[in-house]
């Protein structure tokens, strides 16, 4: 089945079944490998992308359900103001250790800043809940979100 979706501002037509998870379409068909497979049950956050600016878990989201909504991946989030700020803070504070979960962490944090430009600790906790970091960089993640919120 031929499905056309908008990813990072570009229209992509793919030949996949409508029930194919968005994650596998992004990684295996389109070649955008920044979005990671973690748990496969939408619990870890490694596969987080934005659909119309909202963070979603792509490992269980069928591509056929996307329709005309816009998908943004880690490869495209830097084109947004919130994404640029988050990425700059992530690098500045050296948040990453192994890096595997970081694309999902960045996508959740960018969605938070786009919606709540000056988040408090409760906002950060709520937005980042379900994003698991096996290396335990949570303190640096929180600091990077706060730094990004303060940046011009």
Protein backbone atom coordinates (compact mmCIF):
# COMPACT_ATOMS: atom_id res chain seq x y z
CA UNK A 1 0.00 0.00 0.00
CA UNK A 2 1.33 3.46 -0.87
CA UNK A 3 1.17 5.98 2.00
CA UNK A 4 2.32 9.61 1.88
CA UNK A 5 3.26 11.44 5.07
CA UNK A 6 5.13 14.64 5.88
CA UNK A 7 8.37 14.06 7.79
CA UNK A 8 10.63 16.94 8.80
CA UNK A 9 8.92 19.20 6.28
CA UNK A 10 9.30 16.79 3.35
CA UNK A 11 6.60 14.64 1.77
CA UNK A 12 7.53 10.95 1.70
CA UNK A 13 5.64 8.21 -0.09
CA UNK A 14 6.32 4.74 1.20
CA UNK A 15 5.07 1.31 0.20
CA UNK A 16 4.17 -0.30 3.54
CA UNK A 17 1.14 -1.84 5.18
CA UNK A 18 -1.05 0.68 7.04
CA UNK A 19 -0.44 -1.18 10.32
CA UNK A 20 3.36 -0.89 10.06
CA UNK A 21 4.68 1.00 13.07
CA UNK A 22 5.92 4.49 12.24
CA UNK A 23 9.28 3.63 13.86
CA UNK A 24 10.05 0.89 11.34
CA UNK A 25 8.94 3.05 8.44
CA UNK A 26 11.26 5.84 9.60
CA UNK A 27 14.25 3.57 10.23
CA UNK A 28 13.99 0.76 7.70
CA UNK A 29 12.16 2.33 4.77
CA UNK A 30 13.10 6.02 4.86
CA UNK A 31 16.52 5.62 6.51
CA UNK A 32 16.07 8.06 9.41
CA UNK A 33 17.84 6.03 12.09
CA UNK A 34 18.05 8.66 14.83
CA UNK A 35 14.79 7.45 16.34
CA UNK A 36 15.63 4.33 18.33
CA UNK A 37 13.90 1.06 19.14
CA UNK A 38 13.92 0.49 22.88
CA UNK A 39 11.22 -1.67 24.39
CA UNK A 40 8.66 -2.08 21.62
CA UNK A 41 5.75 -1.47 24.02
CA UNK A 42 5.80 2.36 24.19
CA UNK A 43 7.17 2.42 27.74
CA UNK A 44 10.80 3.59 27.47
CA UNK A 45 10.56 6.68 25.25
CA UNK A 46 13.52 5.88 22.96
CA UNK A 47 11.22 5.97 19.92
CA UNK A 48 9.65 9.36 20.68
CA UNK A 49 8.87 11.61 17.71
CA UNK A 50 6.51 14.55 17.32
CA UNK A 51 3.20 14.31 15.49
CA UNK A 52 1.85 17.83 15.02
CA UNK A 53 4.21 18.95 17.79
CA UNK A 54 3.03 16.38 20.33
CA UNK A 55 5.45 13.71 21.56
CA UNK A 56 4.32 10.20 20.64
CA UNK A 57 5.85 6.75 20.83
CA UNK A 58 6.47 5.63 17.27
CA UNK A 59 7.05 1.93 18.04
CA UNK A 60 3.32 1.21 18.30
CA UNK A 61 1.85 4.02 16.17
CA UNK A 62 0.59 2.62 12.85
CA UNK A 63 1.72 4.70 9.90
CA UNK A 64 -1.80 4.48 8.48
CA UNK A 65 -3.08 6.56 11.40
CA UNK A 66 -0.85 9.57 10.64
CA UNK A 67 -2.91 11.02 7.78
CA UNK A 68 -2.12 14.70 7.11
CA UNK A 69 -0.41 15.29 10.45
CA UNK A 70 3.22 16.39 10.41
CA UNK A 71 5.92 14.12 11.80
CA UNK A 72 9.16 15.54 13.22
CA UNK A 73 12.07 13.29 14.13
CA UNK A 74 15.35 13.95 15.91
CA UNK A 75 16.85 14.70 12.49
CA UNK A 76 14.42 17.62 12.04
CA UNK A 77 13.76 18.94 15.56
CA UNK A 78 16.71 21.37 15.36
CA UNK A 79 14.72 23.37 12.80
CA UNK A 80 12.37 24.42 15.61
CA UNK A 81 13.25 27.06 18.19
CA UNK A 82 12.64 24.73 21.13
CA UNK A 83 14.60 21.94 19.43
CA UNK A 84 17.59 24.21 18.79
CA UNK A 85 17.62 25.39 22.39
CA UNK A 86 17.39 21.87 23.78
CA UNK A 87 20.10 20.51 21.49
CA UNK A 88 22.45 23.37 22.38
CA UNK A 89 21.88 22.86 26.12
CA UNK A 90 22.33 19.08 25.75
CA UNK A 91 25.74 19.61 24.16
CA UNK A 92 26.74 22.40 26.53
CA UNK A 93 26.03 20.33 29.63
CA UNK A 94 27.32 17.09 28.10
CA UNK A 95 24.11 15.27 28.97
CA UNK A 96 24.84 12.21 26.84
CA UNK A 97 26.60 9.12 28.14
CA UNK A 98 25.79 6.10 25.99
CA UNK A 99 23.36 8.22 23.98
CA UNK A 100 20.85 5.52 23.11
CA UNK A 101 17.84 7.16 24.77
CA UNK A 102 18.83 10.71 24.01
CA UNK A 103 16.88 11.27 20.79
CA UNK A 104 13.68 10.36 22.66
CA UNK A 105 14.70 12.50 25.64
CA UNK A 106 15.40 15.48 23.37
CA UNK A 107 12.10 15.06 21.53
CA UNK A 108 10.13 15.02 24.80
CA UNK A 109 12.06 18.00 26.15
CA UNK A 110 11.59 20.01 22.94
CA UNK A 111 7.84 19.37 23.02
CA UNK A 112 7.78 20.55 26.64
CA UNK A 113 9.60 23.81 25.86
CA UNK A 114 7.41 24.50 22.82
CA UNK A 115 4.32 24.18 25.03
CA UNK A 116 5.72 25.52 28.32
CA UNK A 117 8.62 27.95 27.70
CA UNK A 118 9.48 28.29 31.41
CA UNK A 119 8.78 24.86 32.92
CA UNK A 120 8.99 24.19 36.66
CA UNK A 121 10.13 20.89 38.16
CA UNK A 122 6.61 19.44 38.09
CA UNK A 123 6.25 20.33 34.39
CA UNK A 124 9.58 18.66 33.64
CA UNK A 125 8.67 15.56 35.66
CA UNK A 126 5.35 15.21 33.84
CA UNK A 127 6.83 15.76 30.36
CA UNK A 128 9.78 13.45 30.86
CA UNK A 129 7.91 10.64 32.67
CA UNK A 130 8.32 7.43 30.74
CA UNK A 131 11.63 8.43 29.16
CA UNK A 132 14.06 5.94 30.63
CA UNK A 133 17.81 6.55 30.73
CA UNK A 134 19.80 3.48 31.72
CA UNK A 135 22.88 5.64 32.36
CA UNK A 136 20.97 7.78 34.87
CA UNK A 137 21.62 11.19 33.32
CA UNK A 138 18.37 12.56 34.76
CA UNK A 139 20.08 15.34 36.74
CA UNK A 140 21.83 16.62 33.60
CA UNK A 141 18.64 16.23 31.54
CA UNK A 142 16.74 18.42 34.02
CA UNK A 143 19.59 20.98 34.08
CA UNK A 144 19.67 21.10 30.26
CA UNK A 145 15.91 21.69 30.07
CA UNK A 146 16.21 24.54 32.59
CA UNK A 147 19.19 26.01 30.74
CA UNK A 148 17.36 25.84 27.42
CA UNK A 149 14.34 27.56 28.97
CA UNK A 150 16.58 30.44 30.15
CA UNK A 151 18.38 30.84 26.81
CA UNK A 152 17.46 33.54 24.32
